Amino acid sequence: MKNFFKTSAVILLLFFIVPVPSHAQKKSQEKGIIAGNSFNVMFPQKTLKDTYNYGLGIYANFDYNFNKHLAARFDLGWNSVTGPEITTTDSLGFVYTDKPRMTVWEFTAGLKASVSIVYIEVRGGYFTGVSSWGVVPAVGLRIGRFDIQGNYTFAGNNQWISGRLGFYWLR
């Protein structure tokens, strides 16, 4: 229960405090900083898949648009990854259960290239929890204020696929 309250507090903090109102103009003239939030679903791959099943997270997303086709992207994200319940019995016959859990903070930056509503991006940065630098190639759709993205994260020996749904706050 204690972890539930900590998790809820972090989600509320990132969702309501971190985003700053953007000063974006019309879509065709969008220039400057815009910000939003996104929810993330994470599916561990390779060796990470042996311990964890899935993760959920929330992100603060910041784009600095140079023009309507090129932007710098900065993400601050928090993910909570959980695994299946593990039951062990000690030598006295006592049964213990444990559920592996890991928190991953993501600090990444990169470039995003857009053509119409479709974009590709590559970000690099640091991932706590796995204590490693990594790279995140991604593809997505930006429809008005909504952003739908799929990405594959390579952080050291750890890999995961993520899908996110974002919302950009426009003034």
Protein backbone atom coordinates (compact mmCIF):
# COMPACT_ATOMS: atom_id res chain seq x y z
CA MET A 1 0.00 0.00 0.00
CA LYS A 2 2.91 2.31 0.76
CA ASN A 3 4.27 1.85 -2.79
CA PHE A 4 0.83 2.65 -4.22
CA PHE A 5 0.84 6.07 -2.54
CA LYS A 6 4.40 6.82 -3.65
CA THR A 7 3.55 5.80 -7.21
CA SER A 8 0.39 7.90 -7.22
CA ALA A 9 2.27 10.94 -5.91
CA VAL A 10 4.93 10.68 -8.64
CA ILE A 11 2.29 10.29 -11.36
CA LEU A 12 0.36 13.32 -10.14
CA LEU A 13 3.52 15.38 -9.86
CA LEU A 14 4.62 14.61 -13.40
CA PHE A 15 1.18 14.91 -14.92
CA PHE A 16 0.08 18.21 -13.37
CA ILE A 17 3.22 20.13 -12.41
CA VAL A 18 5.92 19.32 -14.97
CA PRO A 19 4.15 20.34 -18.18
CA VAL A 20 4.41 23.98 -19.03
CA PRO A 21 1.94 25.66 -21.35
CA SER A 22 3.30 25.90 -24.85
CA HIS A 23 3.39 28.97 -27.01
CA ALA A 24 2.85 27.08 -30.26
CA GLN A 25 1.16 28.85 -33.13
CA LYS A 26 -0.97 27.28 -35.85
CA LYS A 27 0.03 23.72 -36.79
CA SER A 28 1.58 24.84 -40.08
CA GLN A 29 3.64 27.52 -38.27
CA GLU A 30 4.37 25.61 -35.07
CA LYS A 31 7.67 26.93 -33.74
CA GLY A 32 9.22 27.11 -30.30
CA ILE A 33 8.69 24.99 -27.20
CA ILE A 34 5.62 22.83 -26.71
CA ALA A 35 5.08 20.43 -23.81
CA GLY A 36 2.87 17.53 -22.94
CA ASN A 37 2.44 14.37 -20.96
CA SER A 38 2.24 10.77 -22.05
CA PHE A 39 1.34 7.42 -20.54
CA ASN A 40 3.67 4.54 -21.31
CA VAL A 41 3.25 0.75 -21.44
CA MET A 42 6.55 -1.14 -21.38
CA PHE A 43 7.22 -4.77 -22.41
CA PRO A 44 10.67 -6.14 -21.41
CA GLN A 45 12.64 -8.07 -24.03
CA LYS A 46 15.64 -10.44 -24.02
CA THR A 47 17.21 -10.93 -20.53
CA LEU A 48 14.95 -8.36 -18.86
CA LYS A 49 11.98 -10.51 -19.89
CA ASP A 50 13.24 -13.32 -17.63
CA THR A 51 12.46 -11.27 -14.50
CA TYR A 52 9.80 -8.73 -15.48
CA ASN A 53 6.46 -8.93 -17.32
CA TYR A 54 5.44 -5.34 -18.05
CA GLY A 55 5.72 -1.78 -16.85
CA LEU A 56 3.59 1.34 -16.71
CA GLY A 57 4.85 4.89 -16.71
CA ILE A 58 4.23 8.56 -17.20
CA TYR A 59 6.34 11.10 -19.08
CA ALA A 60 6.82 14.82 -19.43
CA ASN A 61 7.58 15.55 -23.09
CA PHE A 62 9.17 18.74 -24.38
CA ASP A 63 9.65 19.54 -28.06
CA TYR A 64 11.54 22.51 -29.43
CA ASN A 65 10.29 22.88 -33.00
CA PHE A 66 12.81 24.40 -35.38
CA ASN A 67 10.23 24.26 -38.17
CA LYS A 68 7.26 22.05 -39.09
CA HIS A 69 9.57 19.14 -40.05
CA LEU A 70 12.37 19.11 -37.46
CA ALA A 71 12.31 19.27 -33.66
CA ALA A 72 14.54 18.60 -30.69
CA ARG A 73 12.89 16.24 -28.20
CA PHE A 74 13.44 16.05 -24.43
CA ASP A 75 11.73 13.42 -22.28
CA LEU A 76 11.63 12.88 -18.54
CA GLY A 77 9.91 9.60 -17.74
CA TRP A 78 9.10 7.35 -14.82
CA ASN A 79 8.29 3.65 -15.24
CA SER A 80 7.39 0.99 -12.70
CA VAL A 81 8.19 -2.50 -13.98
CA THR A 82 6.81 -5.62 -12.29
CA GLY A 83 7.32 -9.33 -12.65
CA PRO A 84 5.43 -12.49 -11.74
CA GLU A 85 4.98 -13.52 -8.13
CA ILE A 86 7.79 -15.84 -7.01
CA THR A 87 7.15 -18.37 -4.23
CA THR A 88 10.04 -19.92 -2.31
CA THR A 89 10.16 -22.32 0.61
CA ASP A 90 13.00 -22.22 3.16
CA SER A 91 14.56 -25.22 4.95
CA LEU A 92 12.02 -24.96 7.81
CA GLY A 93 9.05 -25.15 5.44
CA PHE A 94 8.10 -21.45 5.60
CA VAL A 95 6.72 -20.14 2.31
CA TYR A 96 7.73 -16.68 1.09
CA THR A 97 6.33 -14.80 -1.86
CA ASP A 98 8.00 -11.94 -3.65
CA LYS A 99 7.07 -9.89 -6.67
CA PRO A 100 10.04 -8.27 -8.42
CA ARG A 101 9.63 -4.55 -9.03
CA MET A 102 11.95 -2.01 -10.59
CA THR A 103 11.64 1.74 -11.05
CA VAL A 104 13.22 3.24 -14.16
CA TRP A 105 13.66 6.99 -14.57
CA GLU A 106 14.41 8.04 -18.14
CA PHE A 107 16.28 11.21 -19.07
CA THR A 108 16.56 11.39 -22.87
CA ALA A 109 17.03 13.93 -25.65
CA GLY A 110 17.19 13.66 -29.43
CA LEU A 111 15.82 14.75 -32.79
CA LYS A 112 12.41 14.20 -34.36
CA ALA A 113 11.73 14.46 -38.11
CA SER A 114 8.10 14.82 -39.23
CA VAL A 115 6.35 14.35 -42.54
CA SER A 116 2.68 15.26 -42.24
CA ILE A 117 1.37 13.46 -39.13
CA VAL A 118 4.04 10.71 -39.18
CA TYR A 119 7.40 11.14 -37.48
CA ILE A 120 10.55 9.25 -36.64
CA GLU A 121 12.92 10.10 -33.84
CA VAL A 122 16.04 8.97 -32.08
CA ARG A 123 16.75 9.86 -28.46
CA GLY A 124 19.68 9.00 -26.25
CA GLY A 125 20.07 9.31 -22.52
CA TYR A 126 20.38 7.73 -19.11
CA PHE A 127 18.09 5.13 -17.51
CA THR A 128 18.11 4.61 -13.76
CA GLY A 129 16.99 1.22 -12.47
CA VAL A 130 19.12 -0.45 -15.13
CA SER A 131 21.90 2.12 -14.46
CA SER A 132 22.87 2.51 -18.08
CA TRP A 133 23.09 4.91 -20.99
CA GLY A 134 20.93 3.97 -23.94
CA VAL A 135 19.29 4.88 -27.21
CA VAL A 136 15.60 4.95 -28.18
CA PRO A 137 14.57 4.82 -31.85
CA ALA A 138 10.86 5.58 -32.28
CA VAL A 139 8.08 6.08 -34.79
CA GLY A 140 4.81 7.85 -34.15
CA LEU A 141 1.75 9.79 -35.23
CA ARG A 142 0.99 13.32 -34.10
CA ILE A 143 -2.68 14.15 -34.69
CA GLY A 144 -3.50 17.60 -33.35
CA ARG A 145 -2.76 17.54 -29.63
CA PHE A 146 -2.47 13.73 -29.48
CA ASP A 147 0.74 11.78 -29.92
CA ILE A 148 0.89 7.99 -30.40
CA GLN A 149 4.34 6.45 -30.35
CA GLY A 150 6.03 3.05 -30.48
CA ASN A 151 9.68 2.69 -29.52
CA TYR A 152 12.39 0.17 -28.76
CA THR A 153 14.84 1.00 -25.98
CA PHE A 154 18.41 -0.30 -25.89
CA ALA A 155 19.96 0.46 -22.46
CA GLY A 156 23.14 -1.52 -21.87
CA ASN A 157 22.18 -5.22 -21.89
CA ASN A 158 18.52 -4.34 -21.29
CA GLN A 159 15.89 -3.89 -23.98
CA TRP A 160 12.19 -3.15 -24.01
CA ILE A 161 9.39 -2.22 -26.37
CA SER A 162 7.13 0.65 -25.36
CA GLY A 163 3.94 2.19 -26.60
CA ARG A 164 2.76 5.57 -25.45
CA LEU A 165 -0.20 7.85 -25.75
CA GLY A 166 0.54 11.53 -25.25
CA PHE A 167 -1.32 14.80 -25.05
CA TYR A 168 0.27 18.18 -25.80
CA TRP A 169 -0.92 21.19 -23.84
CA LEU A 170 -1.47 24.12 -26.19
CA ARG A 171 -2.20 27.67 -25.21
